[in-house]
Amino acid sequence: MQIVDLEFIVTQIQENLDLDATYWNENEGCIKFDETPVFYTRYEDHFMIEIDGVEMEVPRI
């Protein structure tokens, strides 16, 4: 089982998801960090992410 660096993933989502041209136009999708898929849904003031079946709300900055 691979250990997920949740703090790193949350920081990357907050700092880059709205700026990365690959993802900024999509309201939902999946990004892989190493081999771990991270599913996201974009809302007006936050992201919902799912990692290994666990969902969490991440504020947009």
PDB file of N, CA and C in Angstrom:
ATOM      1  N   MET A   1       0.834  -1.183   0.000  1.00  0.00           N
ATOM      2  CA  MET A   1       0.000   0.000   0.000  1.00  0.00           C
ATOM      3  C   MET A   1       0.878   1.246   0.000  1.00  0.00           C
ATOM      4  N   GLN A   2       0.548   2.182  -0.846  1.00  0.00           N
ATOM      5  CA  GLN A   2       1.317   3.415  -0.958  1.00  0.00           C
ATOM      6  C   GLN A   2       0.799   4.454   0.018  1.00  0.00           C
ATOM      7  N   ILE A   3       1.709   5.168   0.653  1.00  0.00           N
ATOM      8  CA  ILE A   3       1.333   6.211   1.597  1.00  0.00           C
ATOM      9  C   ILE A   3       1.103   7.505   0.820  1.00  0.00           C
ATOM     10  N   VAL A   4      -0.011   8.160   1.092  1.00  0.00           N
ATOM     11  CA  VAL A   4      -0.392   9.381   0.405  1.00  0.00           C
ATOM     12  C   VAL A   4      -0.026  10.575   1.271  1.00  0.00           C
ATOM     13  N   ASP A   5       0.678  11.551   0.691  1.00  0.00           N
ATOM     14  CA  ASP A   5       1.012  12.782   1.398  1.00  0.00           C
ATOM     15  C   ASP A   5      -0.144  13.762   1.195  1.00  0.00           C
ATOM     16  N   LEU A   6      -1.128  13.673   2.070  1.00  0.00           N
ATOM     17  CA  LEU A   6      -2.354  14.443   1.932  1.00  0.00           C
ATOM     18  C   LEU A   6      -2.093  15.943   1.949  1.00  0.00           C
ATOM     19  N   GLU A   7      -1.209  16.396   2.813  1.00  0.00           N
ATOM     20  CA  GLU A   7      -0.901  17.825   2.899  1.00  0.00           C
ATOM     21  C   GLU A   7      -0.344  18.336   1.566  1.00  0.00           C
ATOM     22  N   PHE A   8       0.549  17.562   0.946  1.00  0.00           N
ATOM     23  CA  PHE A   8       1.118  17.937  -0.346  1.00  0.00           C
ATOM     24  C   PHE A   8       0.024  18.018  -1.412  1.00  0.00           C
ATOM     25  N   ILE A   9      -0.851  17.020  -1.457  1.00  0.00           N
ATOM     26  CA  ILE A   9      -1.914  16.979  -2.468  1.00  0.00           C
ATOM     27  C   ILE A   9      -2.856  18.161  -2.299  1.00  0.00           C
ATOM     28  N   VAL A  10      -3.279  18.449  -1.064  1.00  0.00           N
ATOM     29  CA  VAL A  10      -4.188  19.571  -0.815  1.00  0.00           C
ATOM     30  C   VAL A  10      -3.535  20.875  -1.253  1.00  0.00           C
ATOM     31  N   THR A  11      -2.279  21.074  -0.914  1.00  0.00           N
ATOM     32  CA  THR A  11      -1.567  22.290  -1.309  1.00  0.00           C
ATOM     33  C   THR A  11      -1.497  22.415  -2.826  1.00  0.00           C
ATOM     34  N   GLN A  12      -1.183  21.327  -3.507  1.00  0.00           N
ATOM     35  CA  GLN A  12      -1.104  21.343  -4.964  1.00  0.00           C
ATOM     36  C   GLN A  12      -2.458  21.670  -5.591  1.00  0.00           C
ATOM     37  N   ILE A  13      -3.517  21.091  -5.065  1.00  0.00           N
ATOM     38  CA  ILE A  13      -4.870  21.362  -5.571  1.00  0.00           C
ATOM     39  C   ILE A  13      -5.193  22.844  -5.386  1.00  0.00           C
ATOM     40  N   GLN A  14      -4.967  23.370  -4.188  1.00  0.00           N
ATOM     41  CA  GLN A  14      -5.308  24.765  -3.902  1.00  0.00           C
ATOM     42  C   GLN A  14      -4.492  25.736  -4.744  1.00  0.00           C
ATOM     43  N   GLU A  15      -3.217  25.479  -4.915  1.00  0.00           N
ATOM     44  CA  GLU A  15      -2.337  26.424  -5.587  1.00  0.00           C
ATOM     45  C   GLU A  15      -2.357  26.300  -7.107  1.00  0.00           C
ATOM     46  N   ASN A  16      -2.684  25.124  -7.644  1.00  0.00           N
ATOM     47  CA  ASN A  16      -2.479  24.921  -9.073  1.00  0.00           C
ATOM     48  C   ASN A  16      -3.705  24.549  -9.889  1.00  0.00           C
ATOM     49  N   LEU A  17      -4.745  24.018  -9.281  1.00  0.00           N
ATOM     50  CA  LEU A  17      -5.858  23.506 -10.076  1.00  0.00           C
ATOM     51  C   LEU A  17      -6.544  24.605 -10.885  1.00  0.00           C
ATOM     52  N   ASP A  18      -6.681  25.796 -10.337  1.00  0.00           N
ATOM     53  CA  ASP A  18      -7.317  26.884 -11.075  1.00  0.00           C
ATOM     54  C   ASP A  18      -6.369  27.528 -12.092  1.00  0.00           C
ATOM     55  N   LEU A  19      -5.089  27.262 -11.991  1.00  0.00           N
ATOM     56  CA  LEU A  19      -4.120  27.903 -12.874  1.00  0.00           C
ATOM     57  C   LEU A  19      -3.616  26.997 -13.998  1.00  0.00           C
ATOM     58  N   ASP A  20      -3.673  25.703 -13.806  1.00  0.00           N
ATOM     59  CA  ASP A  20      -3.141  24.752 -14.782  1.00  0.00           C
ATOM     60  C   ASP A  20      -4.101  24.641 -15.961  1.00  0.00           C
ATOM     61  N   ALA A  21      -3.641  24.996 -17.145  1.00  0.00           N
ATOM     62  CA  ALA A  21      -4.484  24.986 -18.347  1.00  0.00           C
ATOM     63  C   ALA A  21      -5.043  23.605 -18.658  1.00  0.00           C
ATOM     64  N   THR A  22      -4.406  22.565 -18.161  1.00  0.00           N
ATOM     65  CA  THR A  22      -4.911  21.209 -18.376  1.00  0.00           C
ATOM     66  C   THR A  22      -6.219  20.991 -17.639  1.00  0.00           C
ATOM     67  N   TYR A  23      -6.403  21.655 -16.501  1.00  0.00           N
ATOM     68  CA  TYR A  23      -7.543  21.381 -15.624  1.00  0.00           C
ATOM     69  C   TYR A  23      -8.482  22.555 -15.394  1.00  0.00           C
ATOM     70  N   TRP A  24      -8.061  23.782 -15.651  1.00  0.00           N
ATOM     71  CA  TRP A  24      -8.837  24.937 -15.202  1.00  0.00           C
ATOM     72  C   TRP A  24     -10.218  25.029 -15.830  1.00  0.00           C
ATOM     73  N   ASN A  25     -10.413  24.419 -16.985  1.00  0.00           N
ATOM     74  CA  ASN A  25     -11.695  24.515 -17.678  1.00  0.00           C
ATOM     75  C   ASN A  25     -12.628  23.346 -17.337  1.00  0.00           C
ATOM     76  N   GLU A  26     -12.195  22.443 -16.504  1.00  0.00           N
ATOM     77  CA  GLU A  26     -12.993  21.268 -16.147  1.00  0.00           C
ATOM     78  C   GLU A  26     -13.531  21.413 -14.729  1.00  0.00           C
ATOM     79  N   ASN A  27     -14.815  21.154 -14.557  1.00  0.00           N
ATOM     80  CA  ASN A  27     -15.404  21.237 -13.223  1.00  0.00           C
ATOM     81  C   ASN A  27     -15.213  19.973 -12.409  1.00  0.00           C
ATOM     82  N   GLU A  28     -14.852  18.886 -13.071  1.00  0.00           N
ATOM     83  CA  GLU A  28     -14.530  17.666 -12.346  1.00  0.00           C
ATOM     84  C   GLU A  28     -13.562  16.848 -13.174  1.00  0.00           C
ATOM     85  N   GLY A  29     -12.818  16.032 -12.481  1.00  0.00           N
ATOM     86  CA  GLY A  29     -11.831  15.221 -13.176  1.00  0.00           C
ATOM     87  C   GLY A  29     -11.009  14.411 -12.201  1.00  0.00           C
ATOM     88  N   CYS A  30      -9.876  13.936 -12.702  1.00  0.00           N
ATOM     89  CA  CYS A  30      -8.980  13.110 -11.907  1.00  0.00           C
ATOM     90  C   CYS A  30      -7.542  13.504 -12.213  1.00  0.00           C
ATOM     91  N   ILE A  31      -6.773  13.665 -11.158  1.00  0.00           N
ATOM     92  CA  ILE A  31      -5.344  13.946 -11.272  1.00  0.00           C
ATOM     93  C   ILE A  31      -4.619  12.826 -10.548  1.00  0.00           C
ATOM     94  N   LYS A  32      -3.540  12.340 -11.131  1.00  0.00           N
ATOM     95  CA  LYS A  32      -2.751  11.310 -10.453  1.00  0.00           C
ATOM     96  C   LYS A  32      -1.526  11.937  -9.806  1.00  0.00           C
ATOM     97  N   PHE A  33      -1.330  11.611  -8.553  1.00  0.00           N
ATOM     98  CA  PHE A  33      -0.119  11.968  -7.820  1.00  0.00           C
ATOM     99  C   PHE A  33       0.610  10.660  -7.585  1.00  0.00           C
ATOM    100  N   ASP A  34       1.749  10.494  -8.243  1.00  0.00           N
ATOM    101  CA  ASP A  34       2.423   9.200  -8.334  1.00  0.00           C
ATOM    102  C   ASP A  34       1.407   8.227  -8.935  1.00  0.00           C
ATOM    103  N   GLU A  35       1.019   7.219  -8.238  1.00  0.00           N
ATOM    104  CA  GLU A  35       0.033   6.261  -8.754  1.00  0.00           C
ATOM    105  C   GLU A  35      -1.330   6.424  -8.106  1.00  0.00           C
ATOM    106  N   THR A  36      -1.485   7.455  -7.264  1.00  0.00           N
ATOM    107  CA  THR A  36      -2.728   7.658  -6.530  1.00  0.00           C
ATOM    108  C   THR A  36      -3.666   8.579  -7.299  1.00  0.00           C
ATOM    109  N   PRO A  37      -4.834   8.080  -7.720  1.00  0.00           N
ATOM    110  CA  PRO A  37      -5.792   8.967  -8.375  1.00  0.00           C
ATOM    111  C   PRO A  37      -6.515   9.849  -7.354  1.00  0.00           C
ATOM    112  N   VAL A  38      -6.624  11.120  -7.678  1.00  0.00           N
ATOM    113  CA  VAL A  38      -7.334  12.082  -6.843  1.00  0.00           C
ATOM    114  C   VAL A  38      -8.455  12.667  -7.700  1.00  0.00           C
ATOM    115  N   PHE A  39      -9.687  12.338  -7.341  1.00  0.00           N
ATOM    116  CA  PHE A  39     -10.846  12.841  -8.065  1.00  0.00           C
ATOM    117  C   PHE A  39     -11.258  14.163  -7.446  1.00  0.00           C
ATOM    118  N   TYR A  40     -11.625  15.114  -8.289  1.00  0.00           N
ATOM    119  CA  TYR A  40     -12.023  16.422  -7.768  1.00  0.00           C
ATOM    120  C   TYR A  40     -13.296  16.909  -8.445  1.00  0.00           C
ATOM    121  N   THR A  41     -14.034  17.723  -7.703  1.00  0.00           N
ATOM    122  CA  THR A  41     -15.169  18.471  -8.224  1.00  0.00           C
ATOM    123  C   THR A  41     -14.979  19.906  -7.766  1.00  0.00           C
ATOM    124  N   ARG A  42     -15.099  20.822  -8.702  1.00  0.00           N
ATOM    125  CA  ARG A  42     -14.877  22.240  -8.417  1.00  0.00           C
ATOM    126  C   ARG A  42     -16.219  22.913  -8.097  1.00  0.00           C
ATOM    127  N   TYR A  43     -16.235  23.656  -7.000  1.00  0.00           N
ATOM    128  CA  TYR A  43     -17.384  24.480  -6.624  1.00  0.00           C
ATOM    129  C   TYR A  43     -16.917  25.923  -6.534  1.00  0.00           C
ATOM    130  N   GLU A  44     -17.845  26.839  -6.342  1.00  0.00           N
ATOM    131  CA  GLU A  44     -17.500  28.261  -6.357  1.00  0.00           C
ATOM    132  C   GLU A  44     -16.438  28.627  -5.320  1.00  0.00           C
ATOM    133  N   ASP A  45     -16.528  28.051  -4.117  1.00  0.00           N
ATOM    134  CA  ASP A  45     -15.601  28.448  -3.057  1.00  0.00           C
ATOM    135  C   ASP A  45     -14.766  27.300  -2.490  1.00  0.00           C
ATOM    136  N   HIS A  46     -14.912  26.096  -3.057  1.00  0.00           N
ATOM    137  CA  HIS A  46     -14.130  24.969  -2.560  1.00  0.00           C
ATOM    138  C   HIS A  46     -14.036  23.862  -3.618  1.00  0.00           C
ATOM    139  N   PHE A  47     -13.191  22.909  -3.345  1.00  0.00           N
ATOM    140  CA  PHE A  47     -13.097  21.679  -4.122  1.00  0.00           C
ATOM    141  C   PHE A  47     -13.522  20.529  -3.226  1.00  0.00           C
ATOM    142  N   MET A  48     -14.176  19.549  -3.786  1.00  0.00           N
ATOM    143  CA  MET A  48     -14.381  18.275  -3.105  1.00  0.00           C
ATOM    144  C   MET A  48     -13.400  17.316  -3.748  1.00  0.00           C
ATOM    145  N   ILE A  49     -12.577  16.676  -2.940  1.00  0.00           N
ATOM    146  CA  ILE A  49     -11.637  15.704  -3.488  1.00  0.00           C
ATOM    147  C   ILE A  49     -11.917  14.344  -2.864  1.00  0.00           C
ATOM    148  N   GLU A  50     -11.572  13.316  -3.598  1.00  0.00           N
ATOM    149  CA  GLU A  50     -11.725  11.949  -3.116  1.00  0.00           C
ATOM    150  C   GLU A  50     -10.420  11.212  -3.366  1.00  0.00           C
ATOM    151  N   ILE A  51      -9.882  10.656  -2.305  1.00  0.00           N
ATOM    152  CA  ILE A  51      -8.637   9.889  -2.369  1.00  0.00           C
ATOM    153  C   ILE A  51      -8.885   8.563  -1.674  1.00  0.00           C
ATOM    154  N   ASP A  52      -8.705   7.485  -2.382  1.00  0.00           N
ATOM    155  CA  ASP A  52      -8.900   6.140  -1.820  1.00  0.00           C
ATOM    156  C   ASP A  52     -10.266   5.994  -1.142  1.00  0.00           C
ATOM    157  N   GLY A  53     -11.319   6.567  -1.739  1.00  0.00           N
ATOM    158  CA  GLY A  53     -12.670   6.431  -1.198  1.00  0.00           C
ATOM    159  C   GLY A  53     -13.018   7.404  -0.093  1.00  0.00           C
ATOM    160  N   VAL A  54     -12.072   8.248   0.310  1.00  0.00           N
ATOM    161  CA  VAL A  54     -12.314   9.221   1.366  1.00  0.00           C
ATOM    162  C   VAL A  54     -12.510  10.596   0.721  1.00  0.00           C
ATOM    163  N   GLU A  55     -13.638  11.235   1.023  1.00  0.00           N
ATOM    164  CA  GLU A  55     -13.929  12.560   0.484  1.00  0.00           C
ATOM    165  C   GLU A  55     -13.590  13.637   1.506  1.00  0.00           C
ATOM    166  N   MET A  56     -13.120  14.768   0.992  1.00  0.00           N
ATOM    167  CA  MET A  56     -12.874  15.905   1.860  1.00  0.00           C
ATOM    168  C   MET A  56     -13.072  17.196   1.096  1.00  0.00           C
ATOM    169  N   GLU A  57     -13.427  18.233   1.829  1.00  0.00           N
ATOM    170  CA  GLU A  57     -13.631  19.566   1.260  1.00  0.00           C
ATOM    171  C   GLU A  57     -12.340  20.364   1.412  1.00  0.00           C
ATOM    172  N   VAL A  58     -11.921  20.988   0.316  1.00  0.00           N
ATOM    173  CA  VAL A  58     -10.706  21.788   0.305  1.00  0.00           C
ATOM    174  C   VAL A  58     -11.078  23.207  -0.119  1.00  0.00           C
ATOM    175  N   PRO A  59     -10.839  24.214   0.727  1.00  0.00           N
ATOM    176  CA  PRO A  59     -11.192  25.585   0.352  1.00  0.00           C
ATOM    177  C   PRO A  59     -10.361  26.059  -0.842  1.00  0.00           C
ATOM    178  N   ARG A  60     -10.987  26.841  -1.710  1.00  0.00           N
ATOM    179  CA  ARG A  60     -10.234  27.479  -2.804  1.00  0.00           C
ATOM    180  C   ARG A  60      -9.562  28.727  -2.239  1.00  0.00           C
ATOM    181  N   ILE A  61      -8.339  28.969  -2.660  1.00  0.00           N
ATOM    182  CA  ILE A  61      -7.609  30.155  -2.171  1.00  0.00           C
ATOM    183  C   ILE A  61      -7.419  31.147  -3.291  1.00  0.00           C
TER     184      ILE A  61
END
